[in-house]
C-alpha atoms as a PDB file:
ATOM      1  CA  MET A   1       0.065   0.128   0.015  1.00  0.00           C
ATOM      2  CA  ASN A   2       1.723   2.914  -1.077  1.00  0.00           C
ATOM      3  CA  ALA A   3       0.945   5.111   0.829  1.00  0.00           C
ATOM      4  CA  ARG A   4       2.952   8.580   2.551  1.00  0.00           C
ATOM      5  CA  THR A   5       3.117  11.039   5.177  1.00  0.00           C
ATOM      6  CA  ILE A   6       1.822  14.398   5.270  1.00  0.00           C
ATOM      7  CA  THR A   7       0.656  16.740   8.709  1.00  0.00           C
ATOM      8  CA  ILE A   8      -2.877  18.120   9.667  1.00  0.00           C
ATOM      9  CA  GLY A   9      -2.010  20.955   8.935  1.00  0.00           C
ATOM     10  CA  GLU A  10      -1.322  20.107   4.917  1.00  0.00           C
ATOM     11  CA  CYS A  11      -4.110  18.712   4.448  1.00  0.00           C
ATOM     12  CA  SER A  12      -7.103  20.406   6.457  1.00  0.00           C
ATOM     13  CA  LYS A  13      -7.747  23.970   8.251  1.00  0.00           C
ATOM     14  CA  VAL A  14      -7.754  23.777  11.373  1.00  0.00           C
ATOM     15  CA  LEU A  15     -10.144  26.383  12.675  1.00  0.00           C
ATOM     16  CA  PRO A  16     -10.903  27.210  16.558  1.00  0.00           C
ATOM     17  CA  GLY A  17     -14.277  27.676  17.691  1.00  0.00           C
ATOM     18  CA  PHE A  18     -16.303  30.196  19.047  1.00  0.00           C
ATOM     19  CA  SER A  19     -16.453  31.383  22.768  1.00  0.00           C
ATOM     20  CA  ALA A  20     -19.490  32.012  24.645  1.00  0.00           C
ATOM     21  CA  LYS A  21     -20.022  34.776  27.242  1.00  0.00           C
ATOM     22  CA  GLY A  22     -21.490  32.834  29.422  1.00  0.00           C
ATOM     23  CA  ALA A  23     -23.897  29.332  29.770  1.00  0.00           C
ATOM     24  CA  ILE A  24     -25.543  27.874  25.982  1.00  0.00           C
ATOM     25  CA  ILE A  25     -28.822  28.614  25.361  1.00  0.00           C
ATOM     26  CA  ASP A  26     -31.231  28.066  23.244  1.00  0.00           C
ATOM     27  CA  GLU A  27     -33.295  31.384  21.345  1.00  0.00           C
ATOM     28  CA  LEU A  28     -36.892  30.995  20.525  1.00  0.00           C
ATOM     29  CA  ASP A  29     -35.347  33.274  17.819  1.00  0.00           C
ATOM     30  CA  GLY A  30     -31.872  32.262  17.547  1.00  0.00           C
ATOM     31  CA  THR A  31     -30.987  31.774  13.969  1.00  0.00           C
ATOM     32  CA  VAL A  32     -27.201  29.157  14.455  1.00  0.00           C
ATOM     33  CA  GLN A  33     -27.409  26.130  15.264  1.00  0.00           C
ATOM     34  CA  VAL A  34     -24.249  24.961  18.137  1.00  0.00           C
ATOM     35  CA  VAL A  35     -22.907  21.739  17.300  1.00  0.00           C
ATOM     36  CA  MET A  36     -22.091  21.106  21.682  1.00  0.00           C
ATOM     37  CA  ALA A  37     -20.380  17.070  22.677  1.00  0.00           C
ATOM     38  CA  GLN A  38     -23.450  15.794  23.862  1.00  0.00           C
ATOM     39  CA  HIS A  39     -25.028  15.823  20.210  1.00  0.00           C
ATOM     40  CA  LEU A  40     -22.102  13.476  19.489  1.00  0.00           C
ATOM     41  CA  THR A  41     -21.386   9.941  19.970  1.00  0.00           C
ATOM     42  CA  LYS A  42     -17.099   9.154  19.557  1.00  0.00           C
ATOM     43  CA  GLY A  43     -16.483   6.877  16.208  1.00  0.00           C
ATOM     44  CA  GLU A  44     -19.464   8.423  14.294  1.00  0.00           C
ATOM     45  CA  GLN A  45     -20.582  10.988  11.383  1.00  0.00           C
ATOM     46  CA  TYR A  46     -22.770  13.071  13.096  1.00  0.00           C
ATOM     47  CA  HIS A  47     -26.724  13.175  11.143  1.00  0.00           C
ATOM     48  CA  TYR A  48     -28.627  16.287  12.926  1.00  0.00           C
ATOM     49  CA  ARG A  49     -31.889  15.192  15.215  1.00  0.00           C
ATOM     50  CA  PRO A  50     -34.960  17.713  15.613  1.00  0.00           C
ATOM     51  CA  GLU A  51     -34.175  17.404  19.590  1.00  0.00           C
ATOM     52  CA  HIS A  52     -30.517  18.755  19.182  1.00  0.00           C
ATOM     53  CA  ARG A  53     -32.275  22.306  18.049  1.00  0.00           C
ATOM     54  CA  LEU A  54     -29.517  25.001  20.060  1.00  0.00           C
ATOM     55  CA  LYS A  55     -30.159  28.112  18.624  1.00  0.00           C
ATOM     56  CA  ILE A  56     -28.829  31.323  19.024  1.00  0.00           C
ATOM     57  CA  THR A  57     -27.735  35.097  18.133  1.00  0.00           C
ATOM     58  CA  PRO A  58     -24.403  34.944  16.246  1.00  0.00           C
ATOM     59  CA  PRO A  59     -21.970  36.013  17.589  1.00  0.00           C
ATOM     60  CA  ARG A  60     -19.784  39.146  16.304  1.00  0.00           C
ATOM     61  CA  ASN A  61     -17.647  37.432  13.861  1.00  0.00           C
ATOM     62  CA  GLY A  62     -18.985  33.822  13.642  1.00  0.00           C
ATOM     63  CA  GLU A  63     -19.135  33.606   9.971  1.00  0.00           C
ATOM     64  CA  LYS A  64     -15.571  32.228  10.571  1.00  0.00           C
ATOM     65  CA  TYR A  65     -16.878  29.870  13.036  1.00  0.00           C
ATOM     66  CA  LEU A  66     -19.457  28.826  10.847  1.00  0.00           C
ATOM     67  CA  ILE A  67     -19.972  24.944  10.521  1.00  0.00           C
ATOM     68  CA  LYS A  68     -21.045  22.981   7.435  1.00  0.00           C
ATOM     69  CA  PRO A  69     -21.105  19.460   6.464  1.00  0.00           C
ATOM     70  CA  GLY A  70     -17.866  17.800   5.375  1.00  0.00           C
ATOM     71  CA  ASP A  71     -16.189  19.438   8.799  1.00  0.00           C
ATOM     72  CA  ILE A  72     -14.639  17.485  11.101  1.00  0.00           C
ATOM     73  CA  LEU A  73     -15.010  18.685  14.982  1.00  0.00           C
ATOM     74  CA  PHE A  74     -12.252  18.223  16.977  1.00  0.00           C
ATOM     75  CA  MET A  75     -12.832  18.357  20.202  1.00  0.00           C
ATOM     76  CA  SER A  76      -9.639  19.989  22.032  1.00  0.00           C
ATOM     77  CA  ARG A  77     -10.154  19.981  25.881  1.00  0.00           C
ATOM     78  CA  GLY A  78      -9.986  17.223  28.887  1.00  0.00           C
ATOM     79  CA  VAL A  79      -8.416  13.731  28.431  1.00  0.00           C
ATOM     80  CA  ASN A  80     -10.861  12.297  25.697  1.00  0.00           C
ATOM     81  CA  ASN A  81      -9.646  13.902  22.340  1.00  0.00           C
ATOM     82  CA  TYR A  82     -12.286  12.120  19.634  1.00  0.00           C
ATOM     83  CA  ALA A  83     -12.864  13.683  16.338  1.00  0.00           C
ATOM     84  CA  VAL A  84     -16.297  13.032  14.552  1.00  0.00           C
ATOM     85  CA  LEU A  85     -17.202  14.180  10.675  1.00  0.00           C
ATOM     86  CA  ILE A  86     -20.337  15.945  10.161  1.00  0.00           C
ATOM     87  CA  GLU A  87     -22.682  14.222   7.560  1.00  0.00           C
ATOM     88  CA  ASP A  88     -25.930  16.480   7.680  1.00  0.00           C
ATOM     89  CA  ILE A  89     -26.846  19.815  10.096  1.00  0.00           C
ATOM     90  CA  PRO A  90     -28.631  22.238   9.039  1.00  0.00           C
ATOM     91  CA  GLN A  91     -27.202  25.738   7.918  1.00  0.00           C
ATOM     92  CA  PRO A  92     -26.344  27.611   9.242  1.00  0.00           C
ATOM     93  CA  ALA A  93     -25.179  25.852  12.549  1.00  0.00           C
ATOM     94  CA  ILE A  94     -21.642  27.301  14.229  1.00  0.00           C
ATOM     95  CA  ALA A  95     -19.170  25.017  17.139  1.00  0.00           C
ATOM     96  CA  PRO A  96     -18.387  26.570  20.038  1.00  0.00           C
ATOM     97  CA  LEU A  97     -14.348  26.935  22.026  1.00  0.00           C
ATOM     98  CA  THR A  98     -14.453  23.586  23.019  1.00  0.00           C
ATOM     99  CA  PHE A  99     -13.459  22.303  19.229  1.00  0.00           C
ATOM    100  CA  TYR A 100     -11.115  23.097  16.541  1.00  0.00           C
ATOM    101  CA  ILE A 101     -12.867  22.340  12.969  1.00  0.00           C
ATOM    102  CA  LEU A 102     -11.083  20.649  11.034  1.00  0.00           C
ATOM    103  CA  ARG A 103     -11.917  21.408   7.333  1.00  0.00           C
ATOM    104  CA  PRO A 104     -10.238  18.503   4.727  1.00  0.00           C
ATOM    105  CA  ARG A 105      -8.791  20.174   1.625  1.00  0.00           C
ATOM    106  CA  GLY A 106      -6.371  18.160  -1.068  1.00  0.00           C
ATOM    107  CA  GLU A 107      -6.937  14.605  -1.463  1.00  0.00           C
ATOM    108  CA  VAL A 108      -7.873  14.302   1.439  1.00  0.00           C
ATOM    109  CA  ILE A 109     -11.613  12.364   2.183  1.00  0.00           C
ATOM    110  CA  PRO A 110     -12.630  13.917   5.056  1.00  0.00           C
ATOM    111  CA  ALA A 111     -14.651  10.320   6.417  1.00  0.00           C
ATOM    112  CA  TYR A 112     -10.665   9.409   6.230  1.00  0.00           C
ATOM    113  CA  LEU A 113      -8.918  12.323   8.090  1.00  0.00           C
ATOM    114  CA  ALA A 114     -11.543  11.842  11.198  1.00  0.00           C
ATOM    115  CA  TRP A 115     -10.677   8.254  11.501  1.00  0.00           C
ATOM    116  CA  CYS A 116      -7.345   7.919  11.547  1.00  0.00           C
ATOM    117  CA  LEU A 117      -7.486  11.616  14.425  1.00  0.00           C
ATOM    118  CA  ASN A 118      -9.070   8.339  16.067  1.00  0.00           C
ATOM    119  CA  GLN A 119      -6.572   5.856  15.648  1.00  0.00           C
ATOM    120  CA  GLU A 120      -4.448   5.262  18.508  1.00  0.00           C
ATOM    121  CA  PRO A 121      -1.172   6.488  16.085  1.00  0.00           C
ATOM    122  CA  ALA A 122      -2.234   9.489  16.081  1.00  0.00           C
ATOM    123  CA  ARG A 123      -3.818   9.653  19.551  1.00  0.00           C
ATOM    124  CA  GLU A 124      -0.308   9.467  20.947  1.00  0.00           C
ATOM    125  CA  GLN A 125       0.770  12.212  19.087  1.00  0.00           C
ATOM    126  CA  ILE A 126      -2.388  14.194  20.512  1.00  0.00           C
ATOM    127  CA  SER A 127      -1.736  12.380  24.163  1.00  0.00           C
ATOM    128  CA  SER A 128       1.959  14.083  24.117  1.00  0.00           C
ATOM    129  CA  ILE A 129       1.244  16.932  22.997  1.00  0.00           C
ATOM    130  CA  ARG A 130      -2.264  18.111  25.099  1.00  0.00           C
ATOM    131  CA  THR A 131      -0.958  20.635  28.596  1.00  0.00           C
ATOM    132  CA  GLY A 132      -2.297  22.262  31.022  1.00  0.00           C
ATOM    133  CA  ALA A 133      -3.586  20.116  34.721  1.00  0.00           C
ATOM    134  CA  GLY A 134      -6.808  21.637  35.202  1.00  0.00           C
ATOM    135  CA  THR A 135      -8.736  21.021  32.289  1.00  0.00           C
ATOM    136  CA  PRO A 136      -6.108  19.971  29.522  1.00  0.00           C
ATOM    137  CA  MET A 137      -6.382  20.898  25.366  1.00  0.00           C
ATOM    138  CA  VAL A 138      -5.029  19.968  22.846  1.00  0.00           C
ATOM    139  CA  PRO A 139      -2.810  23.497  20.822  1.00  0.00           C
ATOM    140  CA  ARG A 140      -3.834  24.161  17.752  1.00  0.00           C
ATOM    141  CA  ASN A 141      -0.890  24.367  15.739  1.00  0.00           C
ATOM    142  CA  GLY A 142       0.476  21.253  18.193  1.00  0.00           C
ATOM    143  CA  LEU A 143      -2.671  19.489  16.231  1.00  0.00           C
ATOM    144  CA  ALA A 144      -1.602  20.927  13.161  1.00  0.00           C
ATOM    145  CA  GLU A 145       1.434  19.392  13.429  1.00  0.00           C
ATOM    146  CA  ILE A 146       0.029  15.420  14.257  1.00  0.00           C
ATOM    147  CA  THR A 147       1.507  13.372  11.186  1.00  0.00           C
ATOM    148  CA  ILE A 148      -1.135  10.768   9.530  1.00  0.00           C
ATOM    149  CA  PRO A 149      -0.473   8.469   6.770  1.00  0.00           C
ATOM    150  CA  LEU A 150      -1.863   9.870   3.399  1.00  0.00           C
ATOM    151  CA  PRO A 151      -2.922   6.517   0.707  1.00  0.00           C
ATOM    152  CA  PRO A 152      -4.972   6.560  -2.930  1.00  0.00           C
ATOM    153  CA  LEU A 153      -8.091   8.325  -2.929  1.00  0.00           C
ATOM    154  CA  ASP A 154      -9.245   4.349  -3.137  1.00  0.00           C
ATOM    155  CA  VAL A 155      -7.683   3.202   0.072  1.00  0.00           C
ATOM    156  CA  GLN A 156      -8.799   6.168   1.661  1.00  0.00           C
ATOM    157  CA  GLN A 157     -11.943   5.632   0.720  1.00  0.00           C
ATOM    158  CA  GLN A 158     -11.921   1.752   1.431  1.00  0.00           C
ATOM    159  CA  LEU A 159     -11.672   2.040   5.219  1.00  0.00           C
ATOM    160  CA  ALA A 160     -13.919   5.072   5.700  1.00  0.00           C
ATOM    161  CA  THR A 161     -16.608   2.527   4.082  1.00  0.00           C
ATOM    162  CA  PHE A 162     -14.705   0.131   6.803  1.00  0.00           C
ATOM    163  CA  ALA A 163     -15.364   2.646  10.135  1.00  0.00           C
ATOM    164  CA  ASP A 164     -18.864   3.845   8.772  1.00  0.00           C
ATOM    165  CA  LEU A 165     -19.567   0.219   9.046  1.00  0.00           C
ATOM    166  CA  GLN A 166     -17.867  -0.804  11.881  1.00  0.00           C
ATOM    167  CA  ALA A 167     -19.918   2.891  13.793  1.00  0.00           C
ATOM    168  CA  ARG A 168     -22.902   1.179  12.383  1.00  0.00           C
ATOM    169  CA  GLU A 169     -22.322  -1.871  13.531  1.00  0.00           C
ATOM    170  CA  ALA A 170     -21.331  -0.597  17.050  1.00  0.00           C
ATOM    171  CA  LYS A 171     -24.413   1.381  17.622  1.00  0.00           C
ATOM    172  CA  LEU A 172     -26.660  -1.474  16.545  1.00  0.00           C
ATOM    173  CA  LEU A 173     -25.159  -3.686  19.198  1.00  0.00           C
ATOM    174  CA  ARG A 174     -25.411  -0.309  22.225  1.00  0.00           C
ATOM    175  CA  GLU A 175     -29.390  -0.232  20.465  1.00  0.00           C
ATOM    176  CA  LEU A 176     -29.622  -3.980  21.443  1.00  0.00           C
ATOM    177  CA  VAL A 177     -28.290  -3.928  24.332  1.00  0.00           C
ATOM    178  CA  ASP A 178     -30.606  -1.179  25.541  1.00  0.00           C
ATOM    179  CA  GLU A 179     -33.563  -3.374  24.008  1.00  0.00           C
ATOM    180  CA  THR A 180     -32.268  -6.041  26.198  1.00  0.00           C
ATOM    181  CA  GLU A 181     -32.743  -3.610  29.328  1.00  0.00           C
ATOM    182  CA  ARG A 182     -35.802  -2.841  29.171  1.00  0.00           C
ATOM    183  CA  MET A 183     -37.705  -6.114  28.069  1.00  0.00           C
ATOM    184  CA  ARG A 184     -35.559  -7.665  32.122  1.00  0.00           C
ATOM    185  CA  ARG A 185     -37.945  -4.195  33.167  1.00  0.00           C
ATOM    186  CA  LEU A 186     -40.524  -4.965  31.868  1.00  0.00           C
ATOM    187  CA  ALA A 187     -40.479  -9.023  32.341  1.00  0.00           C
ATOM    188  CA  GLY A 188     -39.302  -7.954  35.738  1.00  0.00           C
ATOM    189  CA  GLN A 189     -42.643  -5.806  36.251  1.00  0.00           C
ATOM    190  CA  ARG A 190     -45.521  -8.385  35.206  1.00  0.00           C
ATOM    191  CA  LEU A 191     -43.664 -10.917  37.021  1.00  0.00           C
ATOM    192  CA  LEU A 192     -44.417  -8.909  40.529  1.00  0.00           C
ATOM    193  CA  THR A 193     -46.893  -7.712  39.587  1.00  0.00           C
ATOM    194  CA  LYS A 194     -49.043 -11.268  39.480  1.00  0.00           C
ATOM    195  CA  LEU A 195     -46.935 -12.193  42.843  1.00  0.00           C
ATOM    196  CA  ILE A 196     -48.181  -8.486  44.503  1.00  0.00           C
ATOM    197  CA  GLY A 197     -51.563 -10.018  42.404  1.00  0.00           C
ATOM    198  CA  ALA A 198     -51.276 -13.492  43.783  1.00  0.00           C
ATOM    199  CA  ILE A 199     -50.652 -12.073  47.765  1.00  0.00           C
ATOM    200  CA  GLY A 200     -53.573 -10.335  47.616  1.00  0.00           C
ATOM    201  CA  GLN A 201     -55.963 -12.705  46.331  1.00  0.00           C
END
């Protein structure tokens, strides 16, 4: 497999999120959708759902924080740093300061870049540049210097497809566990109801 080494900064813009002065609260007349960490699932592409509505009045100079499908949000705060590809989101939309906005360019497929950032070789590099004791963060300039392998486009697409299938499998397994737990609770409730009914007779 032919591949060359490239930095994140060479294949993607690394942009900051916006800084909110206080808590981000949904505004009835808000015009810009905000994507928050609770909307995202690590390892899965992001698809907007109506319950994710969180609209605000755009901050000053808000244009530079706008995100669109094909962008990648990278969690820059804390020790659980991960990348999520934006697949579907209402426009306009922005991301807060907890994220860096990666805008892939050149010969990199966005889904491949997001997958690559979540793999152990990149995670080890990210851990080595993380700073701060209270709330650690990944410096933006440092993230831009992280290196990844860049194979041909067809190989990138194969790996992106593989990552998507893995994510779908993980989602189905979580749903199966949740449904199994729901059925166990329901069965327990029915059994207890019958026992209580028998005692009362």
